Amino acid sequence: MNELLVFMCDGAPVRGEIVSISTAWQAVLERRNYPPVVRQILGDFVGAATLLSASLKFDGTLIIQAQSSGPIQLLVVECKSDLTIRATVKLSVDASEISAAATLGDLLDVANSGRLVITLDPADRQPGQSPYQGIVALQEHRGTVIKPVTTAAEAIALYMQNSEQLDTRIWLASNETHVGGLLLQRLPDSGGHTHIDPQIAAEGWNRIQALGETITTEELLTLSPDTTLRRLFLEESVENGVRSFPVRPIHFSCRCSRAKVADVLKMLGEEEVEGILEEQGSVETECDFCAKVYRFDAVDCLQVFKTDLLFDATRPPSSGH
């Protein structure tokens, strides 16, 4: 299953999404050996990015990025509006040093310095135009009390509350083979529910949240979105109406290419590349997202700097990619 289902609750101003990802998630993990706790955090953010991307009103990419001075140095998840995903993690320590009991705060928010950045980047963004970014500290301030964020679901809910001003509940689960998630969002009065009495709307939101609270990790990881919808909201469907929309497929897709690596070599400069060639005999780089290796020998590098022809600059090498 690699599916996302969107639904609306007619009896309450609520929009919901359910996601189930299997082979696309396994493609993210292919040739990676993340510790289980790191894998789970990455999987939860993959689920979150997919759920958030389903509501994009433009052709583009949603990027969740976290940087810290903790064991997880960098975490990046990208999901395009067509629901193609890719993700990666960089660790600052050996995997064996990471405790199985570590929380998101332990790994990403050492010394309260962690930050979560969510970027919305339209495909048709004009030169000089900046993408929209929302930045959230991985701590929740309640008066004088600072509460650390311990899960990806809490981090995303905090982002939605602070950046989007939308009441949002999200449940996430992941293991080595599957990612699952449920998102509930209370729509504003301008969302077409102005005919609903405010008290009835509030009661409806509370009722739908209570139903969402009954979701289990096992259900998120094993059931199809359609089955989850029927199990959770069967009574709601009969009494108040729950409308679902066609299921959308999810795919893994990496945008790396030999041409892009050639562009990076150009930015490094001919002198530095020549130094690498003298020391190592070739220039090799591995894509952080899909682990594909690109190798440029001396002839490849010469063509990168001596020709403007893309075909020549990115010819397939005699061996490797």
C-alpha atoms as a PDB file:
ATOM      1  CA  MET A   1       0.000   0.000   0.000  1.00  0.00           C
ATOM      2  CA  ASN A   2       1.200   3.450  -0.940  1.00  0.00           C
ATOM      3  CA  GLU A   3      -1.999   5.453  -0.614  1.00  0.00           C
ATOM      4  CA  LEU A   4      -3.369   8.701   0.731  1.00  0.00           C
ATOM      5  CA  LEU A   5      -7.074   9.256   1.322  1.00  0.00           C
ATOM      6  CA  VAL A   6      -8.702  12.651   1.948  1.00  0.00           C
ATOM      7  CA  PHE A   7     -12.129  12.923   3.565  1.00  0.00           C
ATOM      8  CA  MET A   8     -14.560  15.572   4.810  1.00  0.00           C
ATOM      9  CA  CYS A   9     -17.010  15.394   7.710  1.00  0.00           C
ATOM     10  CA  ASP A  10     -20.283  17.045   6.715  1.00  0.00           C
ATOM     11  CA  GLY A  11     -21.550  17.156  10.289  1.00  0.00           C
ATOM     12  CA  ALA A  12     -18.516  19.069  11.534  1.00  0.00           C
ATOM     13  CA  PRO A  13     -16.044  21.560  10.066  1.00  0.00           C
ATOM     14  CA  VAL A  14     -13.346  18.886   9.820  1.00  0.00           C
ATOM     15  CA  ARG A  15     -11.059  17.762   7.014  1.00  0.00           C
ATOM     16  CA  GLY A  16      -9.074  14.565   7.392  1.00  0.00           C
ATOM     17  CA  GLU A  17      -6.370  12.515   5.704  1.00  0.00           C
ATOM     18  CA  ILE A  18      -5.155   8.945   6.144  1.00  0.00           C
ATOM     19  CA  VAL A  19      -1.874   7.701   4.718  1.00  0.00           C
ATOM     20  CA  SER A  20      -0.298   4.255   4.370  1.00  0.00           C
ATOM     21  CA  ILE A  21       3.176   3.878   2.833  1.00  0.00           C
ATOM     22  CA  SER A  22       5.032   0.603   2.297  1.00  0.00           C
ATOM     23  CA  THR A  23       7.279   0.079  -0.744  1.00  0.00           C
ATOM     24  CA  ALA A  24       7.969   3.796  -1.137  1.00  0.00           C
ATOM     25  CA  TRP A  25       9.185   3.855   2.489  1.00  0.00           C
ATOM     26  CA  GLN A  26      11.264   0.733   1.952  1.00  0.00           C
ATOM     27  CA  ALA A  27      12.906   2.488  -1.008  1.00  0.00           C
ATOM     28  CA  VAL A  28      13.882   5.354   1.322  1.00  0.00           C
ATOM     29  CA  LEU A  29      15.568   2.867   3.663  1.00  0.00           C
ATOM     30  CA  GLU A  30      17.267   0.816   0.942  1.00  0.00           C
ATOM     31  CA  ARG A  31      21.029   0.573   1.558  1.00  0.00           C
ATOM     32  CA  ARG A  32      20.623   2.546   4.807  1.00  0.00           C
ATOM     33  CA  ASN A  33      21.295   1.168   8.268  1.00  0.00           C
ATOM     34  CA  TYR A  34      19.739   3.710  10.581  1.00  0.00           C
ATOM     35  CA  PRO A  35      19.286   2.769  14.258  1.00  0.00           C
ATOM     36  CA  PRO A  36      15.639   1.789  14.934  1.00  0.00           C
ATOM     37  CA  VAL A  37      14.873   4.965  16.893  1.00  0.00           C
ATOM     38  CA  VAL A  38      16.296   7.166  14.111  1.00  0.00           C
ATOM     39  CA  ARG A  39      14.413   5.172  11.490  1.00  0.00           C
ATOM     40  CA  GLN A  40      11.181   5.648  13.419  1.00  0.00           C
ATOM     41  CA  ILE A  41      11.648   9.419  13.706  1.00  0.00           C
ATOM     42  CA  LEU A  42      12.438   9.669   9.982  1.00  0.00           C
ATOM     43  CA  GLY A  43       9.427   7.498   9.147  1.00  0.00           C
ATOM     44  CA  ASP A  44       7.125   9.647  11.250  1.00  0.00           C
ATOM     45  CA  PHE A  45       8.315  12.774   9.444  1.00  0.00           C
ATOM     46  CA  VAL A  46       7.834  11.030   6.078  1.00  0.00           C
ATOM     47  CA  GLY A  47       4.239  10.354   7.084  1.00  0.00           C
ATOM     48  CA  ALA A  48       3.801  13.942   8.256  1.00  0.00           C
ATOM     49  CA  ALA A  49       5.257  15.436   5.066  1.00  0.00           C
ATOM     50  CA  THR A  50       2.955  13.305   2.926  1.00  0.00           C
ATOM     51  CA  LEU A  51      -0.103  14.324   4.926  1.00  0.00           C
ATOM     52  CA  LEU A  52       0.789  18.018   4.775  1.00  0.00           C
ATOM     53  CA  SER A  53       1.591  17.870   1.043  1.00  0.00           C
ATOM     54  CA  ALA A  54      -1.892  16.599   0.235  1.00  0.00           C
ATOM     55  CA  SER A  55      -3.308  20.057   0.964  1.00  0.00           C
ATOM     56  CA  LEU A  56      -0.842  21.993  -1.213  1.00  0.00           C
ATOM     57  CA  LYS A  57      -2.705  24.301  -3.577  1.00  0.00           C
ATOM     58  CA  PHE A  58       0.190  24.606  -6.013  1.00  0.00           C
ATOM     59  CA  ASP A  59       2.603  22.448  -7.965  1.00  0.00           C
ATOM     60  CA  GLY A  60       5.720  22.282  -5.858  1.00  0.00           C
ATOM     61  CA  THR A  61       7.506  20.683  -2.933  1.00  0.00           C
ATOM     62  CA  LEU A  62       7.044  20.583   0.822  1.00  0.00           C
ATOM     63  CA  ILE A  63      10.301  20.123   2.722  1.00  0.00           C
ATOM     64  CA  ILE A  64      10.643  19.248   6.394  1.00  0.00           C
ATOM     65  CA  GLN A  65      14.153  19.917   7.659  1.00  0.00           C
ATOM     66  CA  ALA A  66      15.646  19.674  11.132  1.00  0.00           C
ATOM     67  CA  GLN A  67      19.203  20.593  12.070  1.00  0.00           C
ATOM     68  CA  SER A  68      20.804  20.247  15.469  1.00  0.00           C
ATOM     69  CA  SER A  69      24.003  19.809  17.410  1.00  0.00           C
ATOM     70  CA  GLY A  70      22.676  16.470  18.649  1.00  0.00           C
ATOM     71  CA  PRO A  71      23.182  12.940  17.316  1.00  0.00           C
ATOM     72  CA  ILE A  72      20.907  13.690  14.345  1.00  0.00           C
ATOM     73  CA  GLN A  73      22.860  16.417  12.616  1.00  0.00           C
ATOM     74  CA  LEU A  74      20.434  16.792   9.725  1.00  0.00           C
ATOM     75  CA  LEU A  75      17.054  15.351   8.801  1.00  0.00           C
ATOM     76  CA  VAL A  76      15.405  16.164   5.469  1.00  0.00           C
ATOM     77  CA  VAL A  77      12.116  14.926   4.047  1.00  0.00           C
ATOM     78  CA  GLU A  78      10.787  16.125   0.701  1.00  0.00           C
ATOM     79  CA  CYS A  79       7.314  15.469  -0.687  1.00  0.00           C
ATOM     80  CA  LYS A  80       6.120  16.942  -3.958  1.00  0.00           C
ATOM     81  CA  SER A  81       2.534  17.881  -4.714  1.00  0.00           C
ATOM     82  CA  ASP A  82       2.259  14.691  -6.794  1.00  0.00           C
ATOM     83  CA  LEU A  83       3.134  12.730  -3.611  1.00  0.00           C
ATOM     84  CA  THR A  84       6.591  11.588  -4.666  1.00  0.00           C
ATOM     85  CA  ILE A  85       8.843  11.366  -1.628  1.00  0.00           C
ATOM     86  CA  ARG A  86      12.490  11.134  -0.645  1.00  0.00           C
ATOM     87  CA  ALA A  87      14.224  11.496   2.720  1.00  0.00           C
ATOM     88  CA  THR A  88      17.588  11.276   4.453  1.00  0.00           C
ATOM     89  CA  VAL A  89      19.300  11.543   7.823  1.00  0.00           C
ATOM     90  CA  LYS A  90      22.885  12.481   8.680  1.00  0.00           C
ATOM     91  CA  LEU A  91      24.264  11.419  12.051  1.00  0.00           C
ATOM     92  CA  SER A  92      27.036  13.209  13.946  1.00  0.00           C
ATOM     93  CA  VAL A  93      27.886  10.105  15.989  1.00  0.00           C
ATOM     94  CA  ASP A  94      28.303   6.410  15.311  1.00  0.00           C
ATOM     95  CA  ALA A  95      24.975   4.590  15.130  1.00  0.00           C
ATOM     96  CA  SER A  96      26.037   2.328  18.005  1.00  0.00           C
ATOM     97  CA  GLU A  97      26.195   5.338  20.331  1.00  0.00           C
ATOM     98  CA  ILE A  98      22.491   6.122  19.978  1.00  0.00           C
ATOM     99  CA  SER A  99      20.299   4.770  22.775  1.00  0.00           C
ATOM    100  CA  ALA A 100      17.244   2.754  21.787  1.00  0.00           C
ATOM    101  CA  ALA A 101      15.293   4.781  24.360  1.00  0.00           C
ATOM    102  CA  ALA A 102      16.259   8.182  22.887  1.00  0.00           C
ATOM    103  CA  THR A 103      13.439  10.615  22.150  1.00  0.00           C
ATOM    104  CA  LEU A 104      13.157  13.194  19.398  1.00  0.00           C
ATOM    105  CA  GLY A 105      14.323  15.786  21.908  1.00  0.00           C
ATOM    106  CA  ASP A 106      17.395  13.725  22.805  1.00  0.00           C
ATOM    107  CA  LEU A 107      18.390  13.404  19.163  1.00  0.00           C
ATOM    108  CA  LEU A 108      17.357  16.758  17.713  1.00  0.00           C
ATOM    109  CA  ASP A 109      17.046  19.254  20.537  1.00  0.00           C
ATOM    110  CA  VAL A 110      20.263  19.102  22.531  1.00  0.00           C
ATOM    111  CA  ALA A 111      20.624  22.236  24.712  1.00  0.00           C
ATOM    112  CA  ASN A 112      17.234  23.465  23.410  1.00  0.00           C
ATOM    113  CA  SER A 113      18.866  24.409  20.117  1.00  0.00           C
ATOM    114  CA  GLY A 114      16.872  22.248  17.688  1.00  0.00           C
ATOM    115  CA  ARG A 115      14.736  23.860  15.020  1.00  0.00           C
ATOM    116  CA  LEU A 116      12.163  22.459  12.630  1.00  0.00           C
ATOM    117  CA  VAL A 117      11.852  24.241   9.298  1.00  0.00           C
ATOM    118  CA  ILE A 118       8.961  23.549   6.938  1.00  0.00           C
ATOM    119  CA  THR A 119       9.423  25.000   3.462  1.00  0.00           C
ATOM    120  CA  LEU A 120       6.781  25.367   0.751  1.00  0.00           C
ATOM    121  CA  ASP A 121       8.554  25.758  -2.573  1.00  0.00           C
ATOM    122  CA  PRO A 122       6.376  26.334  -5.690  1.00  0.00           C
ATOM    123  CA  ALA A 123       7.721  24.841  -8.915  1.00  0.00           C
ATOM    124  CA  ASP A 124       7.035  28.109 -10.753  1.00  0.00           C
ATOM    125  CA  ARG A 125       8.842  30.291  -8.204  1.00  0.00           C
ATOM    126  CA  GLN A 126      10.391  33.268  -9.955  1.00  0.00           C
ATOM    127  CA  PRO A 127      14.136  34.082  -9.732  1.00  0.00           C
ATOM    128  CA  GLY A 128      14.758  36.059  -6.558  1.00  0.00           C
ATOM    129  CA  GLN A 129      11.455  34.961  -5.039  1.00  0.00           C
ATOM    130  CA  SER A 130      11.909  33.190  -1.719  1.00  0.00           C
ATOM    131  CA  PRO A 131       9.905  30.105  -0.789  1.00  0.00           C
ATOM    132  CA  TYR A 132       7.634  30.261   2.248  1.00  0.00           C
ATOM    133  CA  GLN A 133       9.269  28.986   5.423  1.00  0.00           C
ATOM    134  CA  GLY A 134       7.865  28.292   8.858  1.00  0.00           C
ATOM    135  CA  ILE A 135      10.339  27.780  11.702  1.00  0.00           C
ATOM    136  CA  VAL A 136       9.384  26.078  14.948  1.00  0.00           C
ATOM    137  CA  ALA A 137      11.548  25.558  18.034  1.00  0.00           C
ATOM    138  CA  LEU A 138      11.313  22.037  19.361  1.00  0.00           C
ATOM    139  CA  GLN A 139       9.999  23.261  22.683  1.00  0.00           C
ATOM    140  CA  GLU A 140       6.481  24.286  23.636  1.00  0.00           C
ATOM    141  CA  HIS A 141       6.223  27.338  25.890  1.00  0.00           C
ATOM    142  CA  ARG A 142       3.311  27.237  28.339  1.00  0.00           C
ATOM    143  CA  GLY A 143       3.649  30.387  30.369  1.00  0.00           C
ATOM    144  CA  THR A 144       6.911  30.066  32.253  1.00  0.00           C
ATOM    145  CA  VAL A 145       7.086  26.325  31.632  1.00  0.00           C
ATOM    146  CA  ILE A 146       9.089  24.972  28.695  1.00  0.00           C
ATOM    147  CA  LYS A 147       7.931  21.540  27.549  1.00  0.00           C
ATOM    148  CA  PRO A 148      10.238  19.673  25.173  1.00  0.00           C
ATOM    149  CA  VAL A 149       8.694  18.179  22.043  1.00  0.00           C
ATOM    150  CA  THR A 150       9.158  14.407  22.184  1.00  0.00           C
ATOM    151  CA  THR A 151       7.537  13.157  18.951  1.00  0.00           C
ATOM    152  CA  ALA A 152       7.198  14.175  15.310  1.00  0.00           C
ATOM    153  CA  ALA A 153       3.423  14.420  15.779  1.00  0.00           C
ATOM    154  CA  GLU A 154       3.867  17.004  18.545  1.00  0.00           C
ATOM    155  CA  ALA A 155       6.324  18.972  16.411  1.00  0.00           C
ATOM    156  CA  ILE A 156       3.953  19.114  13.438  1.00  0.00           C
ATOM    157  CA  ALA A 157       0.969  20.057  15.622  1.00  0.00           C
ATOM    158  CA  LEU A 158       3.045  22.872  17.131  1.00  0.00           C
ATOM    159  CA  TYR A 159       3.983  24.090  13.653  1.00  0.00           C
ATOM    160  CA  MET A 160       0.369  24.090  12.501  1.00  0.00           C
ATOM    161  CA  GLN A 161      -0.729  25.948  15.599  1.00  0.00           C
ATOM    162  CA  ASN A 162       1.983  28.619  15.397  1.00  0.00           C
ATOM    163  CA  SER A 163       2.398  29.035  11.638  1.00  0.00           C
ATOM    164  CA  GLU A 164      -0.977  28.138  10.153  1.00  0.00           C
ATOM    165  CA  GLN A 165      -3.274  28.977  13.094  1.00  0.00           C
ATOM    166  CA  LEU A 166      -5.254  25.825  12.404  1.00  0.00           C
ATOM    167  CA  ASP A 167      -6.389  23.355  15.054  1.00  0.00           C
ATOM    168  CA  THR A 168      -4.703  20.146  13.920  1.00  0.00           C
ATOM    169  CA  ARG A 169      -4.361  16.662  15.375  1.00  0.00           C
ATOM    170  CA  ILE A 170      -1.988  14.149  13.888  1.00  0.00           C
ATOM    171  CA  TRP A 171      -1.167  10.531  14.694  1.00  0.00           C
ATOM    172  CA  LEU A 172       1.930   8.899  13.191  1.00  0.00           C
ATOM    173  CA  ALA A 173       3.481   5.445  13.272  1.00  0.00           C
ATOM    174  CA  SER A 174       6.352   3.753  11.460  1.00  0.00           C
ATOM    175  CA  ASN A 175       8.473   0.617  11.494  1.00  0.00           C
ATOM    176  CA  GLU A 176      11.001  -0.942   9.124  1.00  0.00           C
ATOM    177  CA  THR A 177       8.368  -1.725   6.460  1.00  0.00           C
ATOM    178  CA  HIS A 178       5.435   0.669   6.859  1.00  0.00           C
ATOM    179  CA  VAL A 179       4.521   4.268   7.642  1.00  0.00           C
ATOM    180  CA  GLY A 180       1.006   5.258   8.652  1.00  0.00           C
ATOM    181  CA  GLY A 181      -0.662   8.495   9.642  1.00  0.00           C
ATOM    182  CA  LEU A 182      -3.956  10.204  10.393  1.00  0.00           C
ATOM    183  CA  LEU A 183      -4.497  13.958  10.255  1.00  0.00           C
ATOM    184  CA  LEU A 184      -7.574  15.857  11.431  1.00  0.00           C
ATOM    185  CA  GLN A 185      -7.942  19.564  10.845  1.00  0.00           C
ATOM    186  CA  ARG A 186     -10.649  21.930  11.984  1.00  0.00           C
ATOM    187  CA  LEU A 187     -11.623  24.137   9.091  1.00  0.00           C
ATOM    188  CA  PRO A 188     -12.057  27.888   9.629  1.00  0.00           C
ATOM    189  CA  ASP A 189     -15.482  29.469   9.282  1.00  0.00           C
ATOM    190  CA  SER A 190     -14.446  30.674   5.823  1.00  0.00           C
ATOM    191  CA  GLY A 191     -13.975  27.065   4.747  1.00  0.00           C
ATOM    192  CA  GLY A 192     -17.597  26.598   3.723  1.00  0.00           C
ATOM    193  CA  HIS A 193     -19.036  25.746   7.138  1.00  0.00           C
ATOM    194  CA  THR A 194     -20.434  29.165   8.052  1.00  0.00           C
ATOM    195  CA  HIS A 195     -23.925  27.591   8.188  1.00  0.00           C
ATOM    196  CA  ILE A 196     -22.908  25.444  11.164  1.00  0.00           C
ATOM    197  CA  ASP A 197     -23.720  26.866  14.571  1.00  0.00           C
ATOM    198  CA  PRO A 198     -20.433  27.623  16.431  1.00  0.00           C
ATOM    199  CA  GLN A 199     -21.422  25.413  19.363  1.00  0.00           C
ATOM    200  CA  ILE A 200     -22.363  22.534  17.047  1.00  0.00           C
ATOM    201  CA  ALA A 201     -19.097  23.038  15.141  1.00  0.00           C
ATOM    202  CA  ALA A 202     -17.094  22.890  18.381  1.00  0.00           C
ATOM    203  CA  GLU A 203     -18.942  19.767  19.490  1.00  0.00           C
ATOM    204  CA  GLY A 204     -18.325  18.193  16.086  1.00  0.00           C
ATOM    205  CA  TRP A 205     -14.597  18.914  16.252  1.00  0.00           C
ATOM    206  CA  ASN A 206     -14.394  17.425  19.742  1.00  0.00           C
ATOM    207  CA  ARG A 207     -16.361  14.370  18.622  1.00  0.00           C
ATOM    208  CA  ILE A 208     -14.139  13.715  15.587  1.00  0.00           C
ATOM    209  CA  GLN A 209     -11.005  14.177  17.709  1.00  0.00           C
ATOM    210  CA  ALA A 210     -12.306  11.631  20.212  1.00  0.00           C
ATOM    211  CA  LEU A 211     -12.824   9.124  17.410  1.00  0.00           C
ATOM    212  CA  GLY A 212      -9.311   9.851  16.131  1.00  0.00           C
ATOM    213  CA  GLU A 213      -7.904   9.151  19.585  1.00  0.00           C
ATOM    214  CA  THR A 214      -9.032   5.537  19.276  1.00  0.00           C
ATOM    215  CA  ILE A 215      -6.629   4.823  16.398  1.00  0.00           C
ATOM    216  CA  THR A 216      -3.911   2.333  17.312  1.00  0.00           C
ATOM    217  CA  THR A 217      -0.351   1.995  16.066  1.00  0.00           C
ATOM    218  CA  GLU A 218      -1.185  -1.452  14.702  1.00  0.00           C
ATOM    219  CA  GLU A 219      -4.109  -0.066  12.695  1.00  0.00           C
ATOM    220  CA  LEU A 220      -1.975   2.740  11.261  1.00  0.00           C
ATOM    221  CA  LEU A 221       0.661   0.237  10.153  1.00  0.00           C
ATOM    222  CA  THR A 222      -1.521  -2.580   8.833  1.00  0.00           C
ATOM    223  CA  LEU A 223      -4.839  -1.228   7.516  1.00  0.00           C
ATOM    224  CA  SER A 224      -5.576   0.451   4.218  1.00  0.00           C
ATOM    225  CA  PRO A 225      -6.740   4.092   4.443  1.00  0.00           C
ATOM    226  CA  ASP A 226     -10.208   3.089   3.258  1.00  0.00           C
ATOM    227  CA  THR A 227     -10.523   0.426   5.963  1.00  0.00           C
ATOM    228  CA  THR A 228      -9.263   2.827   8.626  1.00  0.00           C
ATOM    229  CA  LEU A 229     -11.836   5.415   7.559  1.00  0.00           C
ATOM    230  CA  ARG A 230     -14.693   2.905   7.813  1.00  0.00           C
ATOM    231  CA  ARG A 231     -13.569   1.615  11.209  1.00  0.00           C
ATOM    232  CA  LEU A 232     -13.046   5.023  12.790  1.00  0.00           C
ATOM    233  CA  PHE A 233     -15.976   6.943  11.404  1.00  0.00           C
ATOM    234  CA  LEU A 234     -18.653   4.343  10.630  1.00  0.00           C
ATOM    235  CA  GLU A 235     -21.165   5.841  13.077  1.00  0.00           C
ATOM    236  CA  GLU A 236     -20.255   9.369  11.988  1.00  0.00           C
ATOM    237  CA  SER A 237     -20.806   8.381   8.358  1.00  0.00           C
ATOM    238  CA  VAL A 238     -24.304   7.108   9.082  1.00  0.00           C
ATOM    239  CA  GLU A 239     -25.430  10.053  11.215  1.00  0.00           C
ATOM    240  CA  ASN A 240     -23.638  13.057   9.761  1.00  0.00           C
ATOM    241  CA  GLY A 241     -21.988  11.965   6.531  1.00  0.00           C
ATOM    242  CA  VAL A 242     -18.303  11.462   5.798  1.00  0.00           C
ATOM    243  CA  ARG A 243     -17.268  12.004   2.194  1.00  0.00           C
ATOM    244  CA  SER A 244     -14.039  10.515   0.876  1.00  0.00           C
ATOM    245  CA  PHE A 245     -12.194  11.429  -2.300  1.00  0.00           C
ATOM    246  CA  PRO A 246     -10.322   9.152  -4.726  1.00  0.00           C
ATOM    247  CA  VAL A 247      -7.222   7.543  -3.249  1.00  0.00           C
ATOM    248  CA  ARG A 248      -3.945   9.104  -4.376  1.00  0.00           C
ATOM    249  CA  PRO A 249      -0.834   6.971  -4.978  1.00  0.00           C
ATOM    250  CA  ILE A 250       2.516   7.677  -3.290  1.00  0.00           C
ATOM    251  CA  HIS A 251       5.886   6.956  -4.912  1.00  0.00           C
ATOM    252  CA  PHE A 252       9.568   7.194  -4.033  1.00  0.00           C
ATOM    253  CA  SER A 253      11.473   9.385  -6.471  1.00  0.00           C
ATOM    254  CA  CYS A 254      14.954  10.873  -6.276  1.00  0.00           C
ATOM    255  CA  ARG A 255      15.884  13.873  -8.396  1.00  0.00           C
ATOM    256  CA  CYS A 256      19.624  13.306  -8.368  1.00  0.00           C
ATOM    257  CA  SER A 257      21.382  13.114 -11.737  1.00  0.00           C
ATOM    258  CA  ARG A 258      24.838  13.063 -13.258  1.00  0.00           C
ATOM    259  CA  ALA A 259      24.186  16.536 -14.666  1.00  0.00           C
ATOM    260  CA  LYS A 260      23.519  17.926 -11.187  1.00  0.00           C
ATOM    261  CA  VAL A 261      26.741  16.393  -9.871  1.00  0.00           C
ATOM    262  CA  ALA A 262      28.586  18.021 -12.794  1.00  0.00           C
ATOM    263  CA  ASP A 263      27.124  21.362 -11.708  1.00  0.00           C
ATOM    264  CA  VAL A 264      28.468  20.788  -8.185  1.00  0.00           C
ATOM    265  CA  LEU A 265      31.934  20.089  -9.580  1.00  0.00           C
ATOM    266  CA  LYS A 266      31.783  23.351 -11.503  1.00  0.00           C
ATOM    267  CA  MET A 267      30.962  25.180  -8.270  1.00  0.00           C
ATOM    268  CA  LEU A 268      33.916  23.518  -6.511  1.00  0.00           C
ATOM    269  CA  GLY A 269      36.205  24.843  -9.197  1.00  0.00           C
ATOM    270  CA  GLU A 270      38.718  23.242 -11.523  1.00  0.00           C
ATOM    271  CA  GLU A 271      41.681  23.630  -9.177  1.00  0.00           C
ATOM    272  CA  GLU A 272      40.007  21.837  -6.268  1.00  0.00           C
ATOM    273  CA  VAL A 273      38.701  19.057  -8.520  1.00  0.00           C
ATOM    274  CA  GLU A 274      42.191  18.541  -9.962  1.00  0.00           C
ATOM    275  CA  GLY A 275      43.489  18.201  -6.413  1.00  0.00           C
ATOM    276  CA  ILE A 276      40.954  15.448  -5.699  1.00  0.00           C
ATOM    277  CA  LEU A 277      41.915  13.671  -8.916  1.00  0.00           C
ATOM    278  CA  GLU A 278      45.609  13.768  -8.015  1.00  0.00           C
ATOM    279  CA  GLU A 279      44.886  12.339  -4.579  1.00  0.00           C
ATOM    280  CA  GLN A 280      42.182   9.785  -5.385  1.00  0.00           C
ATOM    281  CA  GLY A 281      42.303   9.229  -9.140  1.00  0.00           C
ATOM    282  CA  SER A 282      38.622  10.063  -9.563  1.00  0.00           C
ATOM    283  CA  VAL A 283      35.843  12.057  -7.963  1.00  0.00           C
ATOM    284  CA  GLU A 284      33.089   9.989  -6.374  1.00  0.00           C
ATOM    285  CA  THR A 285      29.963  11.166  -4.620  1.00  0.00           C
ATOM    286  CA  GLU A 286      26.961   9.352  -3.213  1.00  0.00           C
ATOM    287  CA  CYS A 287      23.447  10.760  -3.262  1.00  0.00           C
ATOM    288  CA  ASP A 288      22.263  11.362   0.292  1.00  0.00           C
ATOM    289  CA  PHE A 289      18.711  10.348  -0.628  1.00  0.00           C
ATOM    290  CA  CYS A 290      19.027   7.215  -2.776  1.00  0.00           C
ATOM    291  CA  ALA A 291      22.673   6.177  -2.171  1.00  0.00           C
ATOM    292  CA  LYS A 292      23.419   6.138  -5.898  1.00  0.00           C
ATOM    293  CA  VAL A 293      27.149   6.597  -6.547  1.00  0.00           C
ATOM    294  CA  TYR A 294      28.407   8.934  -9.266  1.00  0.00           C
ATOM    295  CA  ARG A 295      32.005   8.582 -10.452  1.00  0.00           C
ATOM    296  CA  PHE A 296      33.891  11.147 -12.541  1.00  0.00           C
ATOM    297  CA  ASP A 297      37.297  10.144 -13.888  1.00  0.00           C
ATOM    298  CA  ALA A 298      39.884  12.587 -15.269  1.00  0.00           C
ATOM    299  CA  VAL A 299      38.274  12.655 -18.725  1.00  0.00           C
ATOM    300  CA  ASP A 300      34.830  13.277 -17.243  1.00  0.00           C
ATOM    301  CA  CYS A 301      36.156  16.161 -15.156  1.00  0.00           C
ATOM    302  CA  LEU A 302      37.986  17.654 -18.124  1.00  0.00           C
ATOM    303  CA  GLN A 303      34.766  17.681 -20.109  1.00  0.00           C
ATOM    304  CA  VAL A 304      32.856  19.254 -17.191  1.00  0.00           C
ATOM    305  CA  PHE A 305      35.132  22.294 -17.314  1.00  0.00           C
ATOM    306  CA  LYS A 306      36.039  22.423 -21.018  1.00  0.00           C
ATOM    307  CA  THR A 307      32.684  22.144 -22.732  1.00  0.00           C
ATOM    308  CA  ASP A 308      29.271  23.731 -22.446  1.00  0.00           C
ATOM    309  CA  LEU A 309      27.602  20.734 -24.048  1.00  0.00           C
ATOM    310  CA  LEU A 310      25.539  18.988 -21.393  1.00  0.00           C
ATOM    311  CA  PHE A 311      25.713  15.678 -23.253  1.00  0.00           C
ATOM    312  CA  ASP A 312      29.492  15.697 -23.358  1.00  0.00           C
ATOM    313  CA  ALA A 313      29.847  16.933 -19.774  1.00  0.00           C
ATOM    314  CA  THR A 314      27.704  14.153 -18.407  1.00  0.00           C
ATOM    315  CA  ARG A 315      28.637  11.187 -20.588  1.00  0.00           C
ATOM    316  CA  PRO A 316      28.353   7.796 -18.867  1.00  0.00           C
ATOM    317  CA  PRO A 317      31.744   6.764 -17.500  1.00  0.00           C
ATOM    318  CA  SER A 318      33.407   3.533 -18.463  1.00  0.00           C
ATOM    319  CA  SER A 319      32.388   2.009 -15.108  1.00  0.00           C
ATOM    320  CA  GLY A 320      29.982   2.937 -12.320  1.00  0.00           C
ATOM    321  CA  HIS A 321      27.250   5.548 -12.806  1.00  0.00           C
END
